[in-house]
Amino acid sequence: MSTTENEKGEVVVVFVPSPGMGHLVATTEFAKHLINRHPLLSVTLFHIQTPFDSAIPSSSYTHFLSSSSSERLHLITLPQPPPPPPDHNKAASFMASLLESQKSNVRDAVSNLNNIGAFVVDMFCTTMIEVARELGVPAFVFFTSGVAFLSLVLHLHTLRERDNFDATELKDAPETELIIPGFANPVPAGVLPSTVLNKEWDSFFLSVVKGLKTADGFLVNSFEELESHAIHSFPHAHHHIPMYPVGPILKLTTGDNDNDVITWLDHQPPSSVIFLCFGSMGSMDQEQAREIALALEASGARFLWSLRKPTPKGTMAPPTDYDPEELVEVLPEGFLDRTAGIGRVIGWAPQAQVLAHRATAGFVSHCGWNSTLESIHFGVPMATWPLYAEQQINAFELVRELDMAVEIALDYRVEYGAGRNTLLSAEKIERGIREVLGKDEGGRGEMVRKRVKEMSEKSRKTLAEEGGSSYSHLGRFIDHIINH
C-alpha cells in the first residue's frame, strides 16, 4: 500500500503489542507520543487477548483506552482464544501458538485500512512482520526493555548461528562470564534470562530473535543519558539495523489519588517509606514472605508492601490478592499487629502514584523495565529483587553497570512451574533495605540515591523538550515514516 495522502492526509501506523500489561501500556503510551508529535499520523492498535484477560487489569485498561482515545488512535480488540487444556503447562509453546494464531486476525483487520505507513510490532510479536511484508510496508520493533538487553539477545543469537554456541548449557554454570556488546563488564551466566537458559524456551527464543533481525529498525524504550555505553556501542555490534532510543515511555497519570493507600502515605513523613512491589505477575510463597516480614520488622523502617498470592502450580493465571484473614496465616504471628503503626501490607498497588509520593524513599523492585523507568523518573532508588523474564539482567545492569541500584539479589528467579531457585534470608533483605534508604555504613546507598536523583532530571527532559536526545530520535523515526 502507498503512503500517499488519503482523504484526511493521514498515514496509518499499525501497532501490535504482545499480551501483558507492561507491553500494552508502554506501547499505547508510545502510540500517543507519535500522534501528538505529528498531525499526519494516526494509529490503529491491536489488542491481543489471552484466555485469562478477564482476571487482570488489562481489560479495564483497554476499556478506558477505547472510551477515551483520540480520533487518531483506534483500538481493535482481537478475538479472545479459548483457555489451554488443563494438562498444557508449557508457557513457551502457549505464547508461540497464541501469537501465531492471531496473525490471520491481524491480516484480516488491516485489509480494511488505507495508507499504512508502517507496522510497529512488540518484541515478542515478530511473527507479525510477515503481514507487513505482504503489504510492502516497513516493520519496526518496539522493544519494551533496554538497549543493553536488546544487544544481549542479538549477540547470543549471532553466537548460536555463527559458532553453534548454546546458552542453555550455561544453566548449571552460573559463574561463567560472557563478554557482551552493550555491557562494559563481563556478564555472569547466572543473570541471563530464563528464556535463554532453559531448553523449554529455546525454540521460542531463537524464533523471536530471528524475527528481530528482519525488522527495519528498533524503537527502544530507553534514552541516551541512561544507557550511554549500550547505545553508543550498538552501531558497531549491530550496524545493519537502525536503532532509535525514544524513551522513557511511561504512563504517569494514574487516576484516583484518593484511595486509602495514598491517604496512608499522606500521613507519613517525607522520604520515610520503603515500597516493596514485584509487578503485575510477581508473588511470594509463604516461606519467602515470612523472611521479608522479619526483615521489615528488624529494619524498623516504615513500609508499604504489595504482597500477592502465588498462582497455583501448573496454571498460567496471574497472581491474586490475599484476603485479610489469609494474611494473618501467611505472615509471622503478630507481625501485622506489631507493625500496624508504621507499615501496611496490601494487594495490588497503584505503583506510579506510590513512587511519585513525597513519602516514598526507596523501592524494592522486581526490576521490570517499566518499573525501572518509573522509579528513575520519580527519583526513587531501587533495591533489586528480580523474578522472571529479563529482570535478572536488568538488575545486573542497574547495580554493576550503572551504579543506580543496590543489590538484594541479582540471580534470584522464579521458574514457571518449578518455583524459586533460592530462599533470600531476612538478614540479606534487611541489609538491602537499609542500604537503599541510605542507612548503610559503607555509603553506597547515598551514592546511588544521588545518581538516581540526577538521572531523574535527565529522564524528565530527554523526550519532553526540543534538543532532548529521545525527542530528536523520535523525530527521525517520524520523518522516516512520513517520507517513506
Protein backbone atom coordinates (compact mmCIF):
# COMPACT_ATOMS: atom_id res chain seq x y z
CA MET A 1 0.00 0.00 0.00
CA SER A 2 1.18 3.50 -0.72
CA THR A 3 1.65 6.16 1.92
CA THR A 4 0.35 8.88 -0.35
CA GLU A 5 -2.13 11.06 1.48
CA ASN A 6 -5.63 9.72 1.96
CA GLU A 7 -8.70 11.92 2.30
CA LYS A 8 -7.60 13.15 5.71
CA GLY A 9 -3.96 13.31 4.71
CA GLU A 10 -3.17 10.72 7.38
CA VAL A 11 -0.59 7.98 7.38
CA VAL A 12 -1.65 4.96 9.44
CA VAL A 13 0.81 3.22 11.77
CA VAL A 14 -0.29 -0.26 12.85
CA PHE A 15 0.76 -1.27 16.38
CA VAL A 16 0.78 -4.88 17.57
CA PRO A 17 1.72 -5.15 21.27
CA SER A 18 2.04 -8.56 22.88
CA PRO A 19 -0.23 -9.61 25.73
CA GLY A 20 0.60 -8.35 29.21
CA MET A 21 0.01 -5.03 30.94
CA GLY A 22 3.64 -3.89 30.76
CA HIS A 23 3.74 -4.31 26.99
CA LEU A 24 0.24 -2.99 26.34
CA VAL A 25 0.60 0.17 28.43
CA ALA A 26 4.07 1.07 27.14
CA THR A 27 3.03 0.52 23.51
CA THR A 28 -0.12 2.58 23.92
CA GLU A 29 1.76 5.45 25.51
CA PHE A 30 4.29 5.38 22.68
CA ALA A 31 1.45 5.48 20.14
CA LYS A 32 0.14 8.61 21.88
CA HIS A 33 3.56 10.23 21.64
CA LEU A 34 3.60 9.58 17.90
CA ILE A 35 0.24 11.16 17.13
CA ASN A 36 0.95 14.08 19.45
CA ARG A 37 4.16 14.83 17.57
CA HIS A 38 2.78 14.83 14.00
CA PRO A 39 -0.69 15.75 12.71
CA LEU A 40 -0.50 13.39 9.71
CA LEU A 41 -0.07 10.24 11.79
CA SER A 42 -2.87 8.05 13.04
CA VAL A 43 -2.54 4.76 14.92
CA THR A 44 -4.50 1.53 14.79
CA LEU A 45 -3.57 -0.62 17.79
CA PHE A 46 -4.45 -4.31 18.04
CA HIS A 47 -5.12 -5.70 21.49
CA ILE A 48 -4.20 -9.40 21.68
CA GLN A 49 -6.18 -11.05 24.45
CA THR A 50 -5.14 -14.08 26.45
CA PRO A 51 -7.60 -16.62 27.88
CA PHE A 52 -7.03 -15.00 31.30
CA ASP A 53 -7.73 -11.36 30.45
CA SER A 54 -10.95 -11.16 32.42
CA ALA A 55 -8.92 -11.72 35.59
CA ILE A 56 -6.33 -9.00 35.09
CA PRO A 57 -6.40 -5.19 34.85
CA SER A 58 -5.72 -5.10 31.10
CA SER A 59 -9.44 -5.47 30.34
CA SER A 60 -10.32 -2.35 32.35
CA TYR A 61 -7.35 -0.52 30.85
CA THR A 62 -8.41 -1.28 27.28
CA HIS A 63 -12.00 -0.27 28.14
CA PHE A 64 -10.66 3.07 29.40
CA LEU A 65 -8.47 3.43 26.34
CA SER A 66 -11.24 2.70 23.84
CA SER A 67 -13.58 5.20 25.51
CA SER A 68 -11.02 8.00 25.78
CA SER A 69 -8.90 7.58 22.65
CA SER A 70 -8.25 10.49 20.34
CA GLU A 71 -9.76 10.44 16.87
CA ARG A 72 -6.37 9.35 15.56
CA LEU A 73 -5.90 6.41 17.95
CA HIS A 74 -8.08 3.40 17.19
CA LEU A 75 -8.18 0.25 19.32
CA ILE A 76 -9.15 -3.08 17.78
CA THR A 77 -9.54 -5.97 20.23
CA LEU A 78 -8.83 -9.31 18.58
CA PRO A 79 -10.93 -12.39 19.39
CA GLN A 80 -10.16 -13.99 22.73
CA PRO A 81 -8.72 -17.51 22.37
CA PRO A 82 -10.01 -20.43 24.43
CA PRO A 83 -8.04 -21.49 27.52
CA PRO A 84 -5.34 -24.11 27.00
CA PRO A 85 -6.19 -27.69 28.02
CA PRO A 86 -5.69 -28.48 31.73
CA ASP A 87 -2.58 -30.57 31.05
CA HIS A 88 -0.96 -27.83 28.96
CA ASN A 89 1.69 -26.26 31.18
CA LYS A 90 4.30 -25.15 28.65
CA ALA A 91 4.33 -21.35 28.77
CA ALA A 92 6.68 -21.06 25.78
CA SER A 93 4.58 -23.12 23.39
CA PHE A 94 1.41 -21.42 24.64
CA MET A 95 2.80 -17.95 23.84
CA ALA A 96 4.12 -19.02 20.44
CA SER A 97 0.82 -20.61 19.41
CA LEU A 98 -1.20 -17.67 20.76
CA LEU A 99 0.72 -15.13 18.66
CA GLU A 100 0.76 -17.32 15.57
CA SER A 101 -2.99 -17.88 15.80
CA GLN A 102 -3.63 -14.13 15.85
CA LYS A 103 -1.72 -13.48 12.62
CA SER A 104 -4.74 -14.22 10.43
CA ASN A 105 -6.91 -11.90 12.55
CA VAL A 106 -4.40 -9.07 12.12
CA ARG A 107 -4.16 -9.80 8.38
CA ASP A 108 -7.94 -9.61 8.00
CA ALA A 109 -8.23 -6.40 10.03
CA VAL A 110 -5.50 -4.47 8.18
CA SER A 111 -7.09 -5.34 4.84
CA ASN A 112 -9.68 -2.68 5.70
CA LEU A 113 -7.08 0.05 6.31
CA ASN A 114 -5.73 2.53 3.78
CA ASN A 115 -2.39 4.33 3.70
CA ILE A 116 -0.49 2.10 6.09
CA GLY A 117 2.90 3.71 6.56
CA ALA A 118 4.50 1.19 8.91
CA PHE A 119 3.95 -1.66 11.32
CA VAL A 120 5.30 -1.31 14.86
CA VAL A 121 5.30 -4.75 16.50
CA ASP A 122 6.21 -5.73 20.02
CA MET A 123 9.50 -7.52 20.69
CA PHE A 124 7.63 -10.85 21.04
CA CYS A 125 5.33 -10.29 18.05
CA THR A 126 7.94 -10.51 15.30
CA THR A 127 5.80 -13.12 13.52
CA MET A 128 3.57 -10.16 12.55
CA ILE A 129 6.41 -8.73 10.43
CA GLU A 130 5.25 -11.24 7.78
CA VAL A 131 1.98 -9.32 7.44
CA ALA A 132 3.86 -6.04 6.94
CA ARG A 133 6.00 -7.65 4.25
CA GLU A 134 2.87 -8.87 2.44
CA LEU A 135 1.67 -5.25 2.36
CA GLY A 136 5.03 -3.89 1.28
CA VAL A 137 5.42 -1.56 4.27
CA PRO A 138 8.35 -1.26 6.69
CA ALA A 139 8.16 -3.05 10.05
CA PHE A 140 9.78 -1.76 13.22
CA VAL A 141 10.08 -3.44 16.61
CA PHE A 142 9.04 -1.53 19.73
CA PHE A 143 11.41 -3.01 22.29
CA THR A 144 9.91 -2.57 25.75
CA SER A 145 13.17 -3.41 27.54
CA GLY A 146 16.54 -1.65 27.45
CA VAL A 147 19.23 -1.33 24.80
CA ALA A 148 21.71 -3.50 26.72
CA PHE A 149 19.23 -6.37 26.81
CA LEU A 150 18.50 -5.94 23.11
CA SER A 151 22.23 -6.17 22.40
CA LEU A 152 22.47 -9.28 24.55
CA VAL A 153 19.74 -11.25 22.76
CA LEU A 154 21.00 -10.25 19.31
CA HIS A 155 24.56 -11.25 20.24
CA LEU A 156 23.56 -14.61 21.74
CA HIS A 157 21.59 -15.40 18.61
CA THR A 158 24.59 -14.48 16.45
CA LEU A 159 26.82 -16.76 18.53
CA ARG A 160 24.31 -19.58 18.09
CA GLU A 161 24.12 -19.12 14.30
CA ARG A 162 27.82 -18.50 13.75
CA ASP A 163 29.54 -20.66 16.36
CA ASN A 164 26.78 -23.09 17.39
CA PHE A 165 27.02 -21.62 20.91
CA ASP A 166 24.20 -22.98 23.09
CA ALA A 167 23.48 -20.77 26.11
CA THR A 168 21.26 -23.44 27.68
CA GLU A 169 24.46 -25.31 28.57
CA LEU A 170 25.31 -22.46 30.98
CA LYS A 171 22.33 -23.12 33.25
CA ASP A 172 24.48 -25.23 35.57
CA ALA A 173 27.49 -22.90 35.32
CA PRO A 174 26.13 -19.57 36.66
CA GLU A 175 29.61 -18.16 37.37
CA THR A 176 30.70 -18.40 33.72
CA GLU A 177 31.27 -14.89 32.38
CA LEU A 178 30.45 -13.66 28.90
CA ILE A 179 31.65 -10.60 27.01
CA ILE A 180 28.52 -8.99 25.58
CA PRO A 181 28.33 -5.89 23.35
CA GLY A 182 26.48 -3.19 25.26
CA PHE A 183 27.92 -4.20 28.65
CA ALA A 184 31.13 -2.69 29.99
CA ASN A 185 31.56 -5.57 32.47
CA PRO A 186 31.60 -9.34 31.89
CA VAL A 187 28.11 -10.78 32.31
CA PRO A 188 27.73 -13.87 34.54
CA ALA A 189 25.53 -16.62 33.12
CA GLY A 190 23.50 -16.59 36.34
CA VAL A 191 21.82 -13.32 35.33
CA LEU A 192 20.85 -14.37 31.81
CA PRO A 193 17.09 -14.62 31.21
CA SER A 194 15.34 -17.95 31.68
CA THR A 195 14.30 -17.83 28.02
CA VAL A 196 18.00 -18.13 27.15
CA LEU A 197 18.96 -20.74 29.75
CA ASN A 198 16.00 -23.14 29.55
CA LYS A 199 15.59 -25.76 26.82
CA GLU A 200 11.82 -25.32 27.02
CA TRP A 201 12.15 -21.75 25.72
CA ASP A 202 14.94 -22.40 23.22
CA SER A 203 12.89 -22.63 20.04
CA PHE A 204 10.73 -19.66 21.06
CA PHE A 205 13.82 -17.54 21.83
CA LEU A 206 15.50 -18.43 18.53
CA SER A 207 12.33 -17.71 16.58
CA VAL A 208 11.73 -14.34 18.25
CA VAL A 209 15.31 -13.10 17.84
CA LYS A 210 15.50 -14.33 14.27
CA GLY A 211 12.41 -12.21 13.72
CA LEU A 212 14.02 -9.21 15.42
CA LYS A 213 16.82 -9.33 12.88
CA THR A 214 14.34 -9.00 10.00
CA ALA A 215 13.00 -5.67 11.29
CA ASP A 216 13.68 -2.37 9.54
CA GLY A 217 14.64 -0.79 12.84
CA PHE A 218 14.25 -0.81 16.62
CA LEU A 219 12.37 1.69 18.76
CA VAL A 220 13.70 1.15 22.27
CA ASN A 221 12.10 2.36 25.50
CA SER A 222 15.32 3.88 26.83
CA PHE A 223 17.36 7.06 26.49
CA GLU A 224 20.95 8.01 25.77
CA GLU A 225 21.69 9.53 29.16
CA LEU A 226 20.70 6.30 30.94
CA GLU A 227 22.27 3.65 28.69
CA SER A 228 25.02 5.66 27.04
CA HIS A 229 27.51 2.78 26.78
CA ALA A 230 24.99 0.34 25.32
CA ILE A 231 23.61 2.90 22.87
CA HIS A 232 27.00 4.10 21.64
CA SER A 233 28.25 0.55 21.15
CA PHE A 234 25.11 -0.63 19.35
CA PRO A 235 26.01 0.51 15.78
CA HIS A 236 29.36 -1.30 15.95
CA ALA A 237 27.81 -4.60 17.02
CA HIS A 238 24.55 -4.47 15.04
CA HIS A 239 25.36 -1.88 12.38
CA HIS A 240 22.87 -3.10 9.81
CA ILE A 241 19.75 -2.30 11.86
CA PRO A 242 18.82 1.32 12.79
CA MET A 243 18.01 1.88 16.46
CA TYR A 244 16.03 4.78 17.93
CA PRO A 245 16.13 5.25 21.75
CA VAL A 246 12.80 7.03 22.25
CA GLY A 247 12.15 6.60 25.98
CA PRO A 248 11.23 6.84 28.69
CA ILE A 249 7.72 5.93 27.54
CA LEU A 250 5.66 5.94 30.74
CA LYS A 251 2.05 6.13 31.83
CA LEU A 252 2.27 8.63 34.67
CA THR A 253 -1.37 9.68 35.03
CA THR A 254 -2.84 7.02 37.26
CA GLY A 255 -6.32 8.25 38.09
CA ASP A 256 -7.69 8.12 41.62
CA ASN A 257 -5.46 9.88 44.13
CA ASP A 258 -7.98 9.43 46.93
CA ASN A 259 -7.56 5.71 47.52
CA ASP A 260 -6.67 4.57 51.01
CA VAL A 261 -3.07 3.66 50.14
CA ILE A 262 -2.31 7.22 49.05
CA THR A 263 -4.18 8.57 52.07
CA TRP A 264 -1.98 6.43 54.31
CA LEU A 265 1.15 7.76 52.57
CA ASP A 266 -0.11 11.31 53.07
CA HIS A 267 0.26 10.78 56.81
CA GLN A 268 3.88 9.51 56.64
CA PRO A 269 6.97 11.75 57.00
CA PRO A 270 8.76 12.79 53.79
CA SER A 271 11.20 10.20 52.35
CA SER A 272 10.47 7.65 55.08
CA VAL A 273 8.68 4.69 53.43
CA ILE A 274 10.21 1.66 51.71
CA PHE A 275 7.91 0.38 48.97
CA LEU A 276 8.00 -3.33 48.06
CA CYS A 277 6.26 -4.31 44.83
CA PHE A 278 7.02 -7.10 42.35
CA GLY A 279 4.91 -6.29 39.30
CA SER A 280 1.58 -7.47 37.95
CA MET A 281 2.80 -11.09 37.73
CA GLY A 282 5.00 -11.14 40.84
CA SER A 283 4.20 -13.06 44.02
CA MET A 284 5.94 -14.69 47.00
CA ASP A 285 5.38 -18.07 48.62
CA GLN A 286 4.77 -18.21 52.35
CA GLU A 287 8.33 -19.10 53.34
CA GLN A 288 9.82 -16.18 51.41
CA ALA A 289 7.09 -13.80 52.55
CA ARG A 290 7.94 -14.58 56.17
CA GLU A 291 11.60 -13.70 55.57
CA ILE A 292 10.53 -10.35 54.11
CA ALA A 293 8.32 -9.70 57.13
CA LEU A 294 11.18 -10.45 59.53
CA ALA A 295 13.47 -8.14 57.55
CA LEU A 296 11.00 -5.27 57.58
CA GLU A 297 10.40 -5.58 61.31
CA ALA A 298 14.12 -5.74 62.07
CA SER A 299 14.86 -2.71 59.88
CA GLY A 300 12.40 -0.53 61.78
CA ALA A 301 11.54 1.21 58.52
CA ARG A 302 8.12 2.44 57.56
CA PHE A 303 6.89 0.24 54.72
CA LEU A 304 4.23 -0.32 52.09
CA TRP A 305 4.31 -3.92 50.87
CA SER A 306 2.35 -5.22 47.89
CA LEU A 307 2.09 -8.95 48.61
CA ARG A 308 0.28 -11.14 46.08
CA LYS A 309 -0.92 -14.72 46.35
CA PRO A 310 1.06 -17.15 44.13
CA THR A 311 -0.65 -18.76 41.18
CA PRO A 312 -1.40 -22.47 41.74
CA LYS A 313 1.31 -24.62 40.19
CA GLY A 314 0.60 -25.77 36.68
CA THR A 315 -1.63 -22.80 35.81
CA MET A 316 -0.87 -19.64 33.86
CA ALA A 317 -3.32 -17.27 35.52
CA PRO A 318 -1.88 -14.13 37.20
CA PRO A 319 -1.45 -13.73 40.98
CA THR A 320 -4.39 -12.57 43.09
CA ASP A 321 -4.73 -10.60 46.33
CA TYR A 322 -4.86 -12.20 49.77
CA ASP A 323 -7.94 -11.86 51.93
CA PRO A 324 -7.15 -10.19 55.29
CA GLU A 325 -7.66 -13.45 57.22
CA GLU A 326 -5.29 -15.23 54.83
CA LEU A 327 -2.55 -12.66 55.51
CA VAL A 328 -2.71 -13.48 59.22
CA GLU A 329 -1.93 -17.12 58.37
CA VAL A 330 0.82 -16.34 55.83
CA LEU A 331 2.84 -13.82 57.86
CA PRO A 332 4.66 -14.38 61.18
CA GLU A 333 2.39 -14.45 64.20
CA GLY A 334 1.64 -10.95 65.47
CA PHE A 335 3.54 -9.22 62.63
CA LEU A 336 0.57 -7.19 61.42
CA ASP A 337 -0.26 -6.02 64.95
CA ARG A 338 3.34 -5.13 65.84
CA THR A 339 3.89 -3.11 62.67
CA ALA A 340 0.42 -1.53 62.43
CA GLY A 341 1.79 1.90 63.33
CA ILE A 342 4.49 2.02 60.66
CA GLY A 343 3.55 -0.33 57.86
CA ARG A 344 0.87 -1.66 55.56
CA VAL A 345 0.55 -4.93 53.66
CA ILE A 346 -1.67 -4.54 50.61
CA GLY A 347 -2.56 -6.41 47.42
CA TRP A 348 -2.36 -4.70 44.05
CA ALA A 349 -0.60 -1.32 44.32
CA PRO A 350 -1.02 1.92 42.33
CA GLN A 351 2.72 1.84 41.65
CA ALA A 352 3.24 5.12 39.78
CA GLN A 353 1.28 7.04 42.40
CA VAL A 354 3.28 5.48 45.22
CA LEU A 355 6.61 6.20 43.53
CA ALA A 356 5.55 9.79 42.90
CA HIS A 357 4.61 10.35 46.55
CA ARG A 358 6.86 12.52 48.71
CA ALA A 359 6.80 9.89 51.50
CA THR A 360 8.41 7.17 49.34
CA ALA A 361 12.14 6.82 49.97
CA GLY A 362 13.10 3.52 48.32
CA PHE A 363 11.74 0.77 46.12
CA VAL A 364 12.36 -2.98 46.49
CA SER A 365 11.62 -3.94 42.91
CA HIS A 366 11.50 -6.93 40.56
CA CYS A 367 13.34 -4.71 38.04
CA GLY A 368 10.83 -4.95 35.24
CA TRP A 369 11.88 -2.32 32.70
CA ASN A 370 8.72 -0.20 33.03
CA SER A 371 9.13 -0.19 36.82
CA THR A 372 12.80 0.71 36.44
CA LEU A 373 11.99 3.69 34.23
CA GLU A 374 9.21 4.83 36.57
CA SER A 375 11.49 4.64 39.59
CA ILE A 376 14.19 6.66 37.83
CA HIS A 377 11.65 9.22 36.61
CA PHE A 378 10.45 9.85 40.15
CA GLY A 379 13.98 9.78 41.60
CA VAL A 380 13.36 6.76 43.87
CA PRO A 381 16.39 4.47 44.33
CA MET A 382 15.86 0.72 43.88
CA ALA A 383 16.93 -2.42 45.69
CA THR A 384 16.99 -5.25 43.14
CA TRP A 385 14.98 -8.45 43.53
CA PRO A 386 14.38 -9.94 40.05
CA LEU A 387 11.90 -12.77 39.49
CA TYR A 388 11.48 -13.74 35.83
CA ALA A 389 11.80 -12.65 32.16
CA GLU A 390 14.78 -10.31 31.66
CA GLN A 391 14.68 -8.93 35.20
CA GLN A 392 17.96 -10.55 36.28
CA ILE A 393 19.92 -8.84 33.51
CA ASN A 394 18.14 -5.55 34.28
CA ALA A 395 19.19 -5.90 37.92
CA PHE A 396 22.78 -6.61 36.88
CA GLU A 397 22.82 -3.55 34.64
CA LEU A 398 21.39 -1.30 37.34
CA VAL A 399 23.82 -2.44 40.05
CA ARG A 400 27.05 -3.27 38.21
CA GLU A 401 26.86 -1.17 35.03
CA LEU A 402 25.02 1.98 36.04
CA ASP A 403 25.52 2.24 39.84
CA MET A 404 21.85 3.15 40.09
CA ALA A 405 20.54 0.47 42.45
CA VAL A 406 21.62 -1.52 45.49
CA GLU A 407 21.58 -5.30 45.46
CA ILE A 408 19.33 -7.58 47.41
CA ALA A 409 19.71 -10.22 44.70
CA LEU A 410 20.75 -10.40 41.06
CA ASP A 411 20.19 -14.08 40.26
CA TYR A 412 17.00 -14.84 42.22
CA ARG A 413 14.49 -16.30 39.78
CA VAL A 414 11.09 -17.93 39.78
CA GLU A 415 10.77 -20.64 37.15
CA TYR A 416 7.36 -21.29 35.69
CA GLY A 417 6.02 -24.49 37.23
CA ALA A 418 9.12 -25.02 39.39
CA GLY A 419 9.09 -22.14 41.87
CA ARG A 420 12.04 -20.10 43.12
CA ASN A 421 15.67 -21.13 42.85
CA THR A 422 16.71 -19.99 46.34
CA LEU A 423 15.44 -18.50 49.61
CA LEU A 424 16.62 -15.00 50.47
CA SER A 425 17.27 -14.63 54.18
CA ALA A 426 15.78 -11.89 56.33
CA GLU A 427 19.32 -10.66 57.07
CA LYS A 428 20.12 -10.15 53.39
CA ILE A 429 16.81 -8.42 52.71
CA GLU A 430 17.27 -6.16 55.74
CA ARG A 431 20.74 -5.13 54.52
CA GLY A 432 19.30 -4.15 51.15
CA ILE A 433 16.50 -2.14 52.75
CA ARG A 434 18.93 -0.25 54.97
CA GLU A 435 21.23 0.39 52.05
CA VAL A 436 18.58 1.73 49.68
CA LEU A 437 17.35 4.04 52.45
CA GLY A 438 20.89 5.38 52.89
CA LYS A 439 21.31 3.84 56.35
CA ASP A 440 24.26 1.63 55.40
CA GLU A 441 27.68 2.15 56.88
CA GLY A 442 29.53 1.79 53.57
CA GLY A 443 27.81 4.76 51.99
CA ARG A 444 26.89 3.09 48.68
CA GLY A 445 23.23 3.82 49.30
CA GLU A 446 23.87 7.55 49.43
CA MET A 447 25.87 7.41 46.19
CA VAL A 448 23.04 5.52 44.48
CA ARG A 449 20.45 7.97 45.77
CA LYS A 450 22.43 10.88 44.36
CA ARG A 451 22.85 9.24 40.93
CA VAL A 452 19.16 8.39 40.70
CA LYS A 453 18.16 11.98 41.53
CA GLU A 454 20.48 13.27 38.79
CA MET A 455 19.15 10.77 36.25
CA SER A 456 15.59 11.68 37.21
CA GLU A 457 16.16 15.21 35.93
CA LYS A 458 17.56 13.93 32.63
CA SER A 459 14.70 11.43 32.31
CA ARG A 460 12.12 14.21 32.54
CA LYS A 461 13.79 16.33 29.86
CA THR A 462 15.01 13.95 27.17
CA LEU A 463 11.66 13.26 25.48
CA ALA A 464 9.71 16.34 26.51
CA GLU A 465 12.00 19.10 25.25
CA GLU A 466 13.36 20.06 21.85
CA GLY A 467 17.04 19.24 21.89
CA GLY A 468 16.46 16.21 24.10
CA SER A 469 18.06 13.08 22.69
CA SER A 470 14.85 11.00 22.68
CA TYR A 471 12.87 13.91 21.23
CA SER A 472 15.37 14.01 18.34
CA HIS A 473 15.34 10.23 17.78
CA LEU A 474 11.53 10.19 17.71
CA GLY A 475 11.61 12.98 15.13
CA ARG A 476 13.99 10.97 12.93
CA PHE A 477 11.66 7.98 13.09
CA ILE A 478 8.61 10.07 12.17
CA ASP A 479 10.46 11.59 9.23
CA HIS A 480 11.28 8.08 8.02
CA ILE A 481 7.61 7.06 8.09
CA ILE A 482 6.21 10.21 6.53
CA ASN A 483 8.81 10.30 3.74
CA HIS A 484 8.83 6.55 3.02
